[in-house]
Amino acid sequence: MVIEQATNLGSVNDIIKLIDLFVFLIKCCMPLLAIFGIGYIIHATKRKGRANKEKKKAIKEEAKKQKKNKKEYMRHQKESKEIFNNPNAMYKKLDNIQEPINKADYRNLEINFDKNGKMIK
């Protein structure tokens, strides 16, 4: 490297000024970056906490549904056992049924069903 080219790079004073500028920028920007970093961390933890609360709430609701379904299943099992063990209970079930009588439906006793099991008239 030639001496004339070395003078284009800068003197020692220029390098010291650049280092001072760098130190000044670090002193000014670091607190700002720290504030932004802390803010982001707080925001992320709150977001994660909300997500956890939503998950826990969904799990509780699912447990309630399962409990309700289980109670309904047990009630149905008890009711069906009662009906088959007690003939009077079966008659009571039949008494509550109110079926409209349309005699025209009973004239043609040929009943056809489609693939879904519905009656075709």
N, C-alpha and C. Protein backbone atom coordinates (compact mmCIF):
# COMPACT_ATOMS: atom_id res chain seq x y z
N MET A 1 0.83 -1.17 0.00
CA MET A 1 0.00 0.00 0.00
C MET A 1 0.88 1.24 0.00
N VAL A 2 0.52 2.18 -0.81
CA VAL A 2 1.30 3.41 -0.95
C VAL A 2 0.84 4.39 0.13
N ILE A 3 1.72 5.29 0.52
CA ILE A 3 1.43 6.26 1.58
C ILE A 3 0.26 7.15 1.18
N GLU A 4 0.15 7.52 -0.09
CA GLU A 4 -0.96 8.38 -0.52
C GLU A 4 -2.31 7.66 -0.34
N GLN A 5 -2.33 6.38 -0.56
CA GLN A 5 -3.57 5.64 -0.37
C GLN A 5 -3.92 5.47 1.10
N ALA A 6 -2.92 5.40 1.94
CA ALA A 6 -3.14 5.26 3.37
C ALA A 6 -3.77 6.50 3.94
N THR A 7 -3.48 7.67 3.41
CA THR A 7 -4.07 8.91 3.93
C THR A 7 -5.56 8.99 3.60
N ASN A 8 -6.00 8.27 2.57
CA ASN A 8 -7.42 8.27 2.23
C ASN A 8 -8.24 7.47 3.24
N LEU A 9 -7.64 6.57 3.95
CA LEU A 9 -8.36 5.76 4.94
C LEU A 9 -8.77 6.58 6.15
N GLY A 10 -8.02 7.56 6.53
CA GLY A 10 -8.33 8.39 7.68
C GLY A 10 -7.20 8.41 8.67
N SER A 11 -7.25 9.38 9.48
CA SER A 11 -6.19 9.49 10.49
C SER A 11 -6.65 8.83 11.77
N VAL A 12 -5.76 8.84 12.74
CA VAL A 12 -6.06 8.26 14.03
C VAL A 12 -7.19 9.04 14.71
N ASN A 13 -7.17 10.36 14.53
CA ASN A 13 -8.23 11.19 15.14
C ASN A 13 -9.60 10.83 14.55
N ASP A 14 -9.66 10.55 13.23
CA ASP A 14 -10.93 10.18 12.62
C ASP A 14 -11.44 8.85 13.19
N ILE A 15 -10.55 7.93 13.41
CA ILE A 15 -10.94 6.62 13.95
C ILE A 15 -11.42 6.78 15.39
N ILE A 16 -10.75 7.61 16.18
CA ILE A 16 -11.16 7.86 17.56
C ILE A 16 -12.54 8.51 17.59
N LYS A 17 -12.78 9.46 16.65
CA LYS A 17 -14.09 10.10 16.58
C LYS A 17 -15.18 9.06 16.22
N LEU A 18 -14.88 8.14 15.31
CA LEU A 18 -15.85 7.10 14.95
C LEU A 18 -16.13 6.18 16.14
N ILE A 19 -15.09 5.86 16.90
CA ILE A 19 -15.28 5.02 18.09
C ILE A 19 -16.12 5.75 19.12
N ASP A 20 -15.85 7.06 19.31
CA ASP A 20 -16.66 7.86 20.24
C ASP A 20 -18.12 7.92 19.78
N LEU A 21 -18.34 8.07 18.48
CA LEU A 21 -19.70 8.09 17.95
C LEU A 21 -20.39 6.74 18.18
N PHE A 22 -19.65 5.66 17.98
CA PHE A 22 -20.20 4.33 18.21
C PHE A 22 -20.58 4.14 19.67
N VAL A 23 -19.72 4.57 20.59
CA VAL A 23 -20.00 4.46 22.03
C VAL A 23 -21.22 5.31 22.38
N PHE A 24 -21.31 6.51 21.83
CA PHE A 24 -22.45 7.40 22.10
C PHE A 24 -23.76 6.75 21.61
N LEU A 25 -23.72 6.16 20.42
CA LEU A 25 -24.93 5.51 19.89
C LEU A 25 -25.32 4.32 20.74
N ILE A 26 -24.35 3.58 21.21
CA ILE A 26 -24.65 2.43 22.08
C ILE A 26 -25.26 2.91 23.38
N LYS A 27 -24.74 4.00 23.95
CA LYS A 27 -25.27 4.53 25.20
C LYS A 27 -26.70 5.03 25.02
N CYS A 28 -27.02 5.58 23.87
CA CYS A 28 -28.36 6.10 23.64
C CYS A 28 -29.34 5.01 23.20
N CYS A 29 -28.88 4.10 22.39
CA CYS A 29 -29.78 3.10 21.80
C CYS A 29 -29.99 1.89 22.70
N MET A 30 -29.03 1.55 23.51
CA MET A 30 -29.18 0.36 24.34
C MET A 30 -30.35 0.46 25.31
N PRO A 31 -30.55 1.58 26.01
CA PRO A 31 -31.74 1.66 26.87
C PRO A 31 -33.04 1.54 26.08
N LEU A 32 -33.05 2.15 24.90
CA LEU A 32 -34.25 2.07 24.06
C LEU A 32 -34.50 0.62 23.62
N LEU A 33 -33.44 -0.06 23.19
CA LEU A 33 -33.58 -1.46 22.80
C LEU A 33 -33.98 -2.33 24.00
N ALA A 34 -33.45 -2.00 25.17
CA ALA A 34 -33.81 -2.75 26.37
C ALA A 34 -35.29 -2.57 26.69
N ILE A 35 -35.79 -1.35 26.57
CA ILE A 35 -37.21 -1.08 26.83
C ILE A 35 -38.09 -1.86 25.85
N PHE A 36 -37.73 -1.83 24.56
CA PHE A 36 -38.49 -2.58 23.57
C PHE A 36 -38.43 -4.09 23.85
N GLY A 37 -37.26 -4.57 24.23
CA GLY A 37 -37.11 -6.00 24.53
C GLY A 37 -37.96 -6.42 25.73
N ILE A 38 -37.94 -5.61 26.79
CA ILE A 38 -38.75 -5.92 27.97
C ILE A 38 -40.23 -5.86 27.63
N GLY A 39 -40.62 -4.87 26.83
CA GLY A 39 -42.02 -4.78 26.41
C GLY A 39 -42.46 -5.99 25.61
N TYR A 40 -41.60 -6.46 24.72
CA TYR A 40 -41.93 -7.64 23.93
C TYR A 40 -42.06 -8.88 24.81
N ILE A 41 -41.16 -9.01 25.77
CA ILE A 41 -41.20 -10.17 26.67
C ILE A 41 -42.50 -10.16 27.48
N ILE A 42 -42.89 -8.99 27.99
CA ILE A 42 -44.13 -8.88 28.76
C ILE A 42 -45.34 -9.23 27.87
N HIS A 43 -45.33 -8.70 26.66
CA HIS A 43 -46.43 -8.98 25.72
C HIS A 43 -46.51 -10.47 25.41
N ALA A 44 -45.38 -11.10 25.18
CA ALA A 44 -45.36 -12.53 24.84
C ALA A 44 -45.86 -13.38 26.01
N THR A 45 -45.46 -13.04 27.23
CA THR A 45 -45.92 -13.83 28.38
C THR A 45 -47.41 -13.66 28.61
N LYS A 46 -47.93 -12.45 28.41
CA LYS A 46 -49.38 -12.26 28.55
C LYS A 46 -50.14 -13.04 27.49
N ARG A 47 -49.64 -13.02 26.26
CA ARG A 47 -50.29 -13.75 25.17
C ARG A 47 -50.29 -15.24 25.47
N LYS A 48 -49.17 -15.75 25.97
CA LYS A 48 -49.08 -17.16 26.29
C LYS A 48 -50.01 -17.51 27.46
N GLY A 49 -50.11 -16.61 28.42
CA GLY A 49 -51.02 -16.83 29.55
C GLY A 49 -52.47 -16.88 29.10
N ARG A 50 -52.86 -16.00 28.17
CA ARG A 50 -54.23 -16.02 27.64
C ARG A 50 -54.49 -17.31 26.89
N ALA A 51 -53.52 -17.75 26.12
CA ALA A 51 -53.69 -19.00 25.38
C ALA A 51 -53.85 -20.18 26.34
N ASN A 52 -53.07 -20.19 27.42
CA ASN A 52 -53.19 -21.27 28.41
C ASN A 52 -54.56 -21.24 29.08
N LYS A 53 -55.06 -20.04 29.40
CA LYS A 53 -56.39 -19.93 30.01
C LYS A 53 -57.46 -20.45 29.07
N GLU A 54 -57.34 -20.12 27.79
CA GLU A 54 -58.32 -20.60 26.81
C GLU A 54 -58.28 -22.12 26.69
N LYS A 55 -57.07 -22.69 26.70
CA LYS A 55 -56.94 -24.14 26.63
C LYS A 55 -57.57 -24.80 27.85
N LYS A 56 -57.28 -24.25 29.04
CA LYS A 56 -57.85 -24.81 30.26
C LYS A 56 -59.37 -24.71 30.26
N LYS A 57 -59.88 -23.58 29.76
CA LYS A 57 -61.33 -23.41 29.70
C LYS A 57 -61.95 -24.41 28.74
N ALA A 58 -61.30 -24.63 27.59
CA ALA A 58 -61.81 -25.61 26.63
C ALA A 58 -61.78 -27.02 27.23
N ILE A 59 -60.73 -27.34 27.97
CA ILE A 59 -60.64 -28.66 28.60
C ILE A 59 -61.74 -28.83 29.63
N LYS A 60 -62.02 -27.78 30.43
CA LYS A 60 -63.09 -27.86 31.43
C LYS A 60 -64.44 -28.04 30.75
N GLU A 61 -64.69 -27.30 29.67
CA GLU A 61 -65.96 -27.44 28.96
C GLU A 61 -66.12 -28.84 28.38
N GLU A 62 -65.04 -29.39 27.85
CA GLU A 62 -65.08 -30.74 27.30
C GLU A 62 -65.37 -31.75 28.41
N ALA A 63 -64.76 -31.54 29.59
CA ALA A 63 -65.01 -32.44 30.71
C ALA A 63 -66.48 -32.35 31.15
N LYS A 64 -67.03 -31.13 31.15
CA LYS A 64 -68.44 -30.97 31.51
C LYS A 64 -69.34 -31.69 30.51
N LYS A 65 -69.02 -31.57 29.21
CA LYS A 65 -69.81 -32.26 28.19
C LYS A 65 -69.75 -33.76 28.38
N GLN A 66 -68.56 -34.28 28.64
CA GLN A 66 -68.42 -35.72 28.83
C GLN A 66 -69.19 -36.18 30.06
N LYS A 67 -69.14 -35.38 31.12
CA LYS A 67 -69.86 -35.72 32.34
C LYS A 67 -71.37 -35.72 32.08
N LYS A 68 -71.83 -34.72 31.35
CA LYS A 68 -73.25 -34.63 31.02
C LYS A 68 -73.67 -35.81 30.15
N ASN A 69 -72.85 -36.14 29.15
CA ASN A 69 -73.16 -37.28 28.29
C ASN A 69 -73.18 -38.59 29.08
N LYS A 70 -72.26 -38.71 30.03
CA LYS A 70 -72.22 -39.91 30.84
C LYS A 70 -73.46 -40.02 31.71
N LYS A 71 -73.90 -38.89 32.29
CA LYS A 71 -75.11 -38.90 33.11
C LYS A 71 -76.32 -39.26 32.26
N GLU A 72 -76.39 -38.68 31.06
CA GLU A 72 -77.50 -38.97 30.15
C GLU A 72 -77.49 -40.44 29.76
N TYR A 73 -76.33 -40.98 29.49
CA TYR A 73 -76.20 -42.40 29.14
C TYR A 73 -76.65 -43.28 30.29
N MET A 74 -76.21 -42.95 31.51
CA MET A 74 -76.59 -43.74 32.69
C MET A 74 -78.09 -43.65 32.94
N ARG A 75 -78.67 -42.47 32.75
CA ARG A 75 -80.12 -42.30 32.93
C ARG A 75 -80.86 -43.15 31.91
N HIS A 76 -80.38 -43.12 30.68
CA HIS A 76 -81.02 -43.90 29.62
C HIS A 76 -80.92 -45.40 29.91
N GLN A 77 -79.76 -45.84 30.38
CA GLN A 77 -79.58 -47.25 30.72
C GLN A 77 -80.53 -47.66 31.84
N LYS A 78 -80.64 -46.80 32.84
CA LYS A 78 -81.52 -47.10 33.98
C LYS A 78 -82.97 -47.17 33.51
N GLU A 79 -83.35 -46.21 32.66
CA GLU A 79 -84.71 -46.17 32.16
C GLU A 79 -85.02 -47.40 31.30
N SER A 80 -84.09 -47.78 30.45
CA SER A 80 -84.33 -48.95 29.60
C SER A 80 -84.40 -50.23 30.43
N LYS A 81 -83.59 -50.36 31.45
CA LYS A 81 -83.66 -51.53 32.32
C LYS A 81 -85.01 -51.58 33.03
N GLU A 82 -85.45 -50.41 33.46
CA GLU A 82 -86.73 -50.35 34.17
C GLU A 82 -87.88 -50.75 33.24
N ILE A 83 -87.83 -50.31 32.00
CA ILE A 83 -88.90 -50.64 31.05
C ILE A 83 -88.95 -52.14 30.79
N PHE A 84 -87.81 -52.77 30.59
CA PHE A 84 -87.82 -54.20 30.26
C PHE A 84 -88.07 -55.08 31.48
N ASN A 85 -87.78 -54.59 32.67
CA ASN A 85 -88.01 -55.39 33.86
C ASN A 85 -89.42 -55.23 34.40
N ASN A 86 -90.08 -54.12 34.09
CA ASN A 86 -91.40 -53.84 34.62
C ASN A 86 -92.38 -53.66 33.46
N PRO A 87 -93.32 -54.56 33.28
CA PRO A 87 -94.27 -54.42 32.16
C PRO A 87 -95.17 -53.20 32.30
N ASN A 88 -95.47 -52.80 33.52
CA ASN A 88 -96.32 -51.61 33.70
C ASN A 88 -95.63 -50.36 33.19
N ALA A 89 -94.33 -50.28 33.34
CA ALA A 89 -93.58 -49.13 32.82
C ALA A 89 -93.66 -49.07 31.31
N MET A 90 -93.66 -50.26 30.67
CA MET A 90 -93.76 -50.30 29.21
C MET A 90 -95.13 -49.80 28.77
N TYR A 91 -96.18 -50.20 29.51
CA TYR A 91 -97.53 -49.73 29.18
C TYR A 91 -97.65 -48.22 29.38
N LYS A 92 -96.98 -47.69 30.39
CA LYS A 92 -97.00 -46.24 30.61
C LYS A 92 -96.37 -45.51 29.43
N LYS A 93 -95.29 -46.07 28.92
CA LYS A 93 -94.65 -45.46 27.75
C LYS A 93 -95.59 -45.46 26.55
N LEU A 94 -96.31 -46.55 26.39
CA LEU A 94 -97.24 -46.64 25.27
C LEU A 94 -98.43 -45.71 25.43
N ASP A 95 -98.84 -45.47 26.66
CA ASP A 95 -99.97 -44.57 26.89
C ASP A 95 -99.65 -43.14 26.50
N ASN A 96 -98.39 -42.74 26.63
CA ASN A 96 -98.01 -41.35 26.33
C ASN A 96 -97.89 -41.08 24.84
N ILE A 97 -97.91 -42.11 24.02
CA ILE A 97 -97.76 -41.92 22.59
C ILE A 97 -99.12 -41.54 22.00
N GLN A 98 -99.14 -40.45 21.29
CA GLN A 98 -100.36 -40.02 20.61
C GLN A 98 -100.08 -39.98 19.13
N GLU A 99 -100.54 -40.99 18.46
CA GLU A 99 -100.29 -41.11 17.03
C GLU A 99 -101.57 -40.76 16.28
N PRO A 100 -101.51 -39.80 15.37
CA PRO A 100 -102.72 -39.48 14.61
C PRO A 100 -103.07 -40.64 13.67
N ILE A 101 -104.31 -40.97 13.67
CA ILE A 101 -104.74 -42.09 12.84
C ILE A 101 -105.24 -41.56 11.51
N ASN A 102 -104.54 -41.91 10.47
CA ASN A 102 -104.95 -41.58 9.11
C ASN A 102 -105.20 -42.91 8.41
N LYS A 103 -106.48 -43.26 8.27
CA LYS A 103 -106.83 -44.58 7.75
C LYS A 103 -106.39 -44.76 6.31
N ALA A 104 -106.19 -43.68 5.58
CA ALA A 104 -105.76 -43.80 4.19
C ALA A 104 -104.36 -44.41 4.10
N ASP A 105 -103.53 -44.17 5.09
CA ASP A 105 -102.18 -44.75 5.09
C ASP A 105 -102.21 -46.26 5.27
N TYR A 106 -103.27 -46.80 5.89
CA TYR A 106 -103.31 -48.22 6.19
C TYR A 106 -104.02 -49.03 5.10
N ARG A 107 -104.57 -48.40 4.10
CA ARG A 107 -105.25 -49.14 3.03
C ARG A 107 -104.25 -49.91 2.18
N ASN A 108 -103.17 -49.24 1.82
CA ASN A 108 -102.14 -49.89 1.01
C ASN A 108 -101.04 -50.36 1.97
N LEU A 109 -100.98 -51.64 2.18
CA LEU A 109 -100.02 -52.16 3.15
C LEU A 109 -98.67 -52.48 2.54
N GLU A 110 -98.51 -52.22 1.26
CA GLU A 110 -97.20 -52.39 0.66
C GLU A 110 -96.35 -51.17 1.01
N ILE A 111 -95.37 -51.41 1.81
CA ILE A 111 -94.50 -50.30 2.24
C ILE A 111 -93.13 -50.54 1.63
N ASN A 112 -92.65 -49.56 0.94
CA ASN A 112 -91.32 -49.64 0.34
C ASN A 112 -90.39 -48.66 1.04
N PHE A 113 -89.14 -49.08 1.18
CA PHE A 113 -88.16 -48.24 1.85
C PHE A 113 -87.02 -47.92 0.89
N ASP A 114 -86.46 -46.71 1.03
CA ASP A 114 -85.31 -46.35 0.20
C ASP A 114 -84.03 -46.81 0.91
N LYS A 115 -82.88 -46.46 0.34
CA LYS A 115 -81.59 -46.91 0.90
C LYS A 115 -81.32 -46.35 2.29
N ASN A 116 -81.88 -45.17 2.59
CA ASN A 116 -81.67 -44.53 3.90
C ASN A 116 -82.61 -45.07 4.95
N GLY A 117 -83.56 -45.91 4.57
CA GLY A 117 -84.49 -46.48 5.53
C GLY A 117 -85.75 -45.68 5.68
N LYS A 118 -86.00 -44.69 4.82
CA LYS A 118 -87.22 -43.90 4.89
C LYS A 118 -88.29 -44.55 4.02
N MET A 119 -89.53 -44.39 4.45
CA MET A 119 -90.65 -45.00 3.74
C MET A 119 -90.94 -44.23 2.47
N ILE A 120 -91.16 -44.96 1.39
CA ILE A 120 -91.52 -44.35 0.11
C ILE A 120 -93.02 -44.57 -0.08
N LYS A 121 -93.76 -43.53 -0.31
CA LYS A 121 -95.21 -43.66 -0.51
C LYS A 121 -95.52 -43.85 -1.96
